[in-house]
């Protein structure tokens, strides 16, 4: 779920001389209506666009991997 006011990493496909590649930038979602999200208060991204790749919840991802690491370390100790 995309939350207004939350920071994300926006990943879009970009056309380069070598073909399509992924480019990413940190953004803050400032508005949302259907498939459209407003980022940084000035740019609208269509999440249904074929060039839209993903919107990554960076903090959520860090928390998820920290928990996986903690669980793994606990399993090594036999807890």
N, C-alpha and C. Protein backbone atom coordinates (compact mmCIF):
# COMPACT_ATOMS: atom_id res chain seq x y z
N UNK A 1 0.84 -1.18 0.00
CA UNK A 1 0.00 0.00 0.00
C UNK A 1 0.88 1.25 0.00
N UNK A 2 0.56 2.16 -0.85
CA UNK A 2 1.32 3.41 -0.95
C UNK A 2 0.72 4.41 0.02
N UNK A 3 1.56 4.95 0.90
CA UNK A 3 1.10 5.90 1.92
C UNK A 3 1.60 7.31 1.63
N UNK A 4 0.69 8.27 1.69
CA UNK A 4 1.05 9.67 1.51
C UNK A 4 1.90 10.10 2.71
N UNK A 5 2.98 10.82 2.44
CA UNK A 5 3.87 11.31 3.48
C UNK A 5 5.05 10.39 3.75
N UNK A 6 5.06 9.22 3.13
CA UNK A 6 6.11 8.24 3.37
C UNK A 6 7.21 8.36 2.29
N UNK A 7 8.45 8.05 2.69
CA UNK A 7 9.58 8.07 1.77
C UNK A 7 9.73 6.71 1.09
N UNK A 8 10.01 6.73 -0.19
CA UNK A 8 10.19 5.52 -0.99
C UNK A 8 11.37 5.71 -1.94
N UNK A 9 11.81 4.60 -2.52
CA UNK A 9 12.73 4.64 -3.65
C UNK A 9 11.89 4.34 -4.88
N UNK A 10 11.83 5.29 -5.81
CA UNK A 10 11.07 5.14 -7.04
C UNK A 10 12.00 4.56 -8.10
N UNK A 11 11.59 3.45 -8.70
CA UNK A 11 12.38 2.80 -9.75
C UNK A 11 11.57 2.89 -11.05
N UNK A 12 12.18 3.50 -12.06
CA UNK A 12 11.55 3.65 -13.37
C UNK A 12 12.49 3.07 -14.43
N UNK A 13 11.90 2.62 -15.54
CA UNK A 13 12.71 2.19 -16.68
C UNK A 13 13.07 3.42 -17.49
N UNK A 14 14.32 3.49 -17.92
CA UNK A 14 14.81 4.62 -18.69
C UNK A 14 15.44 4.11 -19.98
N UNK A 15 15.19 4.80 -21.08
CA UNK A 15 15.78 4.43 -22.35
C UNK A 15 17.18 5.03 -22.46
N UNK A 16 18.18 4.17 -22.68
CA UNK A 16 19.56 4.60 -22.86
C UNK A 16 20.02 4.18 -24.24
N UNK A 17 21.24 4.51 -24.58
CA UNK A 17 21.80 4.10 -25.87
C UNK A 17 21.88 2.57 -25.99
N UNK A 18 22.01 1.90 -24.85
CA UNK A 18 22.14 0.44 -24.83
C UNK A 18 20.79 -0.26 -24.65
N UNK A 19 19.71 0.49 -24.62
CA UNK A 19 18.37 -0.09 -24.39
C UNK A 19 17.80 0.42 -23.09
N UNK A 20 16.86 -0.32 -22.53
CA UNK A 20 16.22 0.10 -21.29
C UNK A 20 17.05 -0.33 -20.09
N UNK A 21 17.07 0.52 -19.08
CA UNK A 21 17.77 0.25 -17.83
C UNK A 21 16.94 0.82 -16.70
N UNK A 22 17.20 0.36 -15.48
CA UNK A 22 16.48 0.87 -14.32
C UNK A 22 17.21 2.07 -13.72
N UNK A 23 16.45 3.09 -13.38
CA UNK A 23 16.98 4.24 -12.67
C UNK A 23 16.16 4.44 -11.41
N UNK A 24 16.79 4.88 -10.34
CA UNK A 24 16.05 5.05 -9.09
C UNK A 24 16.38 6.38 -8.44
N UNK A 25 15.43 6.86 -7.64
CA UNK A 25 15.57 8.13 -6.94
C UNK A 25 14.71 8.06 -5.67
N UNK A 26 15.18 8.70 -4.63
CA UNK A 26 14.40 8.80 -3.39
C UNK A 26 13.32 9.84 -3.54
N UNK A 27 12.09 9.49 -3.15
CA UNK A 27 10.96 10.42 -3.26
C UNK A 27 10.10 10.35 -1.99
N UNK A 28 9.31 11.38 -1.80
CA UNK A 28 8.28 11.39 -0.78
C UNK A 28 6.94 11.49 -1.49
N UNK A 29 6.04 10.58 -1.19
CA UNK A 29 4.71 10.62 -1.81
C UNK A 29 3.91 11.72 -1.13
N UNK A 30 3.43 12.68 -1.94
CA UNK A 30 2.69 13.82 -1.40
C UNK A 30 1.22 13.81 -1.79
N UNK A 31 0.82 12.85 -2.63
CA UNK A 31 -0.59 12.74 -3.01
C UNK A 31 -0.81 11.45 -3.77
N UNK A 32 -2.07 11.02 -3.77
CA UNK A 32 -2.40 9.78 -4.48
C UNK A 32 -3.85 9.82 -4.91
N UNK A 33 -4.09 9.41 -6.16
CA UNK A 33 -5.46 9.29 -6.67
C UNK A 33 -5.45 8.17 -7.72
N UNK A 34 -6.03 7.04 -7.38
CA UNK A 34 -6.05 5.90 -8.29
C UNK A 34 -4.65 5.43 -8.60
N UNK A 35 -4.33 5.36 -9.90
CA UNK A 35 -3.00 4.92 -10.33
C UNK A 35 -1.97 6.04 -10.31
N UNK A 36 -2.40 7.26 -10.02
CA UNK A 36 -1.48 8.40 -10.04
C UNK A 36 -0.98 8.71 -8.65
N UNK A 37 0.33 8.91 -8.55
CA UNK A 37 0.92 9.36 -7.28
C UNK A 37 1.69 10.64 -7.54
N UNK A 38 1.57 11.56 -6.62
CA UNK A 38 2.34 12.80 -6.69
C UNK A 38 3.54 12.62 -5.76
N UNK A 39 4.74 12.92 -6.29
CA UNK A 39 5.95 12.79 -5.48
C UNK A 39 6.64 14.13 -5.36
N UNK A 40 7.17 14.37 -4.19
CA UNK A 40 7.92 15.59 -3.89
C UNK A 40 7.13 16.86 -4.16
N UNK A 41 5.80 16.75 -4.16
CA UNK A 41 4.94 17.91 -4.30
C UNK A 41 4.86 18.52 -5.69
N UNK A 42 5.52 17.88 -6.68
CA UNK A 42 5.53 18.54 -7.99
C UNK A 42 5.48 17.60 -9.19
N UNK A 43 5.67 16.33 -9.01
CA UNK A 43 5.72 15.41 -10.16
C UNK A 43 4.67 14.33 -9.98
N UNK A 44 3.96 14.01 -11.05
CA UNK A 44 2.94 12.96 -11.01
C UNK A 44 3.45 11.75 -11.77
N UNK A 45 3.36 10.59 -11.13
CA UNK A 45 3.82 9.33 -11.72
C UNK A 45 2.60 8.44 -11.91
N UNK A 46 2.47 7.87 -13.10
CA UNK A 46 1.40 6.93 -13.38
C UNK A 46 1.93 5.52 -13.10
N UNK A 47 1.43 4.89 -12.05
CA UNK A 47 1.92 3.55 -11.68
C UNK A 47 1.46 2.48 -12.65
N UNK A 48 0.54 2.80 -13.56
CA UNK A 48 0.10 1.85 -14.59
C UNK A 48 0.95 1.97 -15.86
N UNK A 49 1.88 2.90 -15.89
CA UNK A 49 2.75 3.10 -17.04
C UNK A 49 3.69 1.92 -17.21
N UNK A 50 3.98 1.53 -18.45
CA UNK A 50 4.94 0.44 -18.65
C UNK A 50 6.37 0.82 -18.23
N UNK A 51 6.63 2.11 -18.03
CA UNK A 51 7.95 2.54 -17.59
C UNK A 51 8.08 2.55 -16.07
N UNK A 52 6.97 2.44 -15.36
CA UNK A 52 7.01 2.36 -13.89
C UNK A 52 7.44 0.96 -13.52
N UNK A 53 8.49 0.84 -12.69
CA UNK A 53 8.97 -0.47 -12.26
C UNK A 53 8.51 -0.80 -10.85
N UNK A 54 8.83 0.06 -9.87
CA UNK A 54 8.45 -0.23 -8.49
C UNK A 54 8.61 0.99 -7.61
N UNK A 55 7.99 0.90 -6.46
CA UNK A 55 8.10 1.91 -5.42
C UNK A 55 8.48 1.14 -4.16
N UNK A 56 9.71 1.30 -3.70
CA UNK A 56 10.24 0.48 -2.62
C UNK A 56 10.18 1.24 -1.30
N UNK A 57 9.53 0.62 -0.32
CA UNK A 57 9.48 1.16 1.04
C UNK A 57 10.83 0.85 1.69
N UNK A 58 11.76 1.79 1.62
CA UNK A 58 13.12 1.57 2.06
C UNK A 58 13.20 1.24 3.55
N UNK A 59 12.48 1.98 4.38
CA UNK A 59 12.51 1.71 5.82
C UNK A 59 11.89 0.35 6.14
N UNK A 60 10.79 0.03 5.47
CA UNK A 60 10.16 -1.27 5.68
C UNK A 60 11.06 -2.40 5.24
N UNK A 61 11.77 -2.20 4.14
CA UNK A 61 12.70 -3.21 3.65
C UNK A 61 13.85 -3.41 4.62
N UNK A 62 14.39 -2.32 5.17
CA UNK A 62 15.46 -2.42 6.16
C UNK A 62 14.98 -3.17 7.40
N UNK A 63 13.78 -2.87 7.86
CA UNK A 63 13.23 -3.54 9.05
C UNK A 63 13.03 -5.03 8.78
N UNK A 64 12.55 -5.37 7.59
CA UNK A 64 12.34 -6.77 7.23
C UNK A 64 13.66 -7.54 7.25
N UNK A 65 14.69 -6.99 6.62
CA UNK A 65 15.97 -7.68 6.58
C UNK A 65 16.65 -7.71 7.94
N UNK A 66 16.44 -6.71 8.77
CA UNK A 66 16.98 -6.74 10.13
C UNK A 66 16.34 -7.87 10.93
N UNK A 67 15.02 -8.07 10.76
CA UNK A 67 14.35 -9.16 11.45
C UNK A 67 14.84 -10.51 10.94
N UNK A 68 15.00 -10.65 9.63
CA UNK A 68 15.54 -11.90 9.07
C UNK A 68 16.92 -12.20 9.64
N UNK A 69 17.76 -11.17 9.72
CA UNK A 69 19.11 -11.34 10.26
C UNK A 69 19.05 -11.74 11.73
N UNK A 70 18.20 -11.08 12.49
CA UNK A 70 18.04 -11.39 13.91
C UNK A 70 17.56 -12.83 14.10
N UNK A 71 16.57 -13.24 13.32
CA UNK A 71 16.05 -14.61 13.40
C UNK A 71 17.13 -15.63 13.04
N UNK A 72 17.93 -15.30 12.03
CA UNK A 72 19.01 -16.20 11.61
C UNK A 72 20.05 -16.34 12.72
N UNK A 73 20.44 -15.21 13.32
CA UNK A 73 21.42 -15.26 14.40
C UNK A 73 20.89 -16.04 15.59
N UNK A 74 19.59 -15.88 15.89
CA UNK A 74 18.99 -16.61 17.00
C UNK A 74 18.98 -18.12 16.70
N UNK A 75 18.75 -18.50 15.45
CA UNK A 75 18.74 -19.91 15.10
C UNK A 75 20.14 -20.51 15.20
N UNK A 76 21.18 -19.71 14.96
CA UNK A 76 22.55 -20.21 15.11
C UNK A 76 22.90 -20.46 16.57
N UNK A 77 22.33 -19.64 17.46
CA UNK A 77 22.56 -19.78 18.89
C UNK A 77 21.69 -20.86 19.51
N UNK A 78 20.69 -21.31 18.77
CA UNK A 78 19.78 -22.33 19.30
C UNK A 78 18.67 -21.78 20.15
N UNK A 79 18.39 -20.47 20.03
CA UNK A 79 17.29 -19.86 20.83
C UNK A 79 15.94 -20.26 20.30
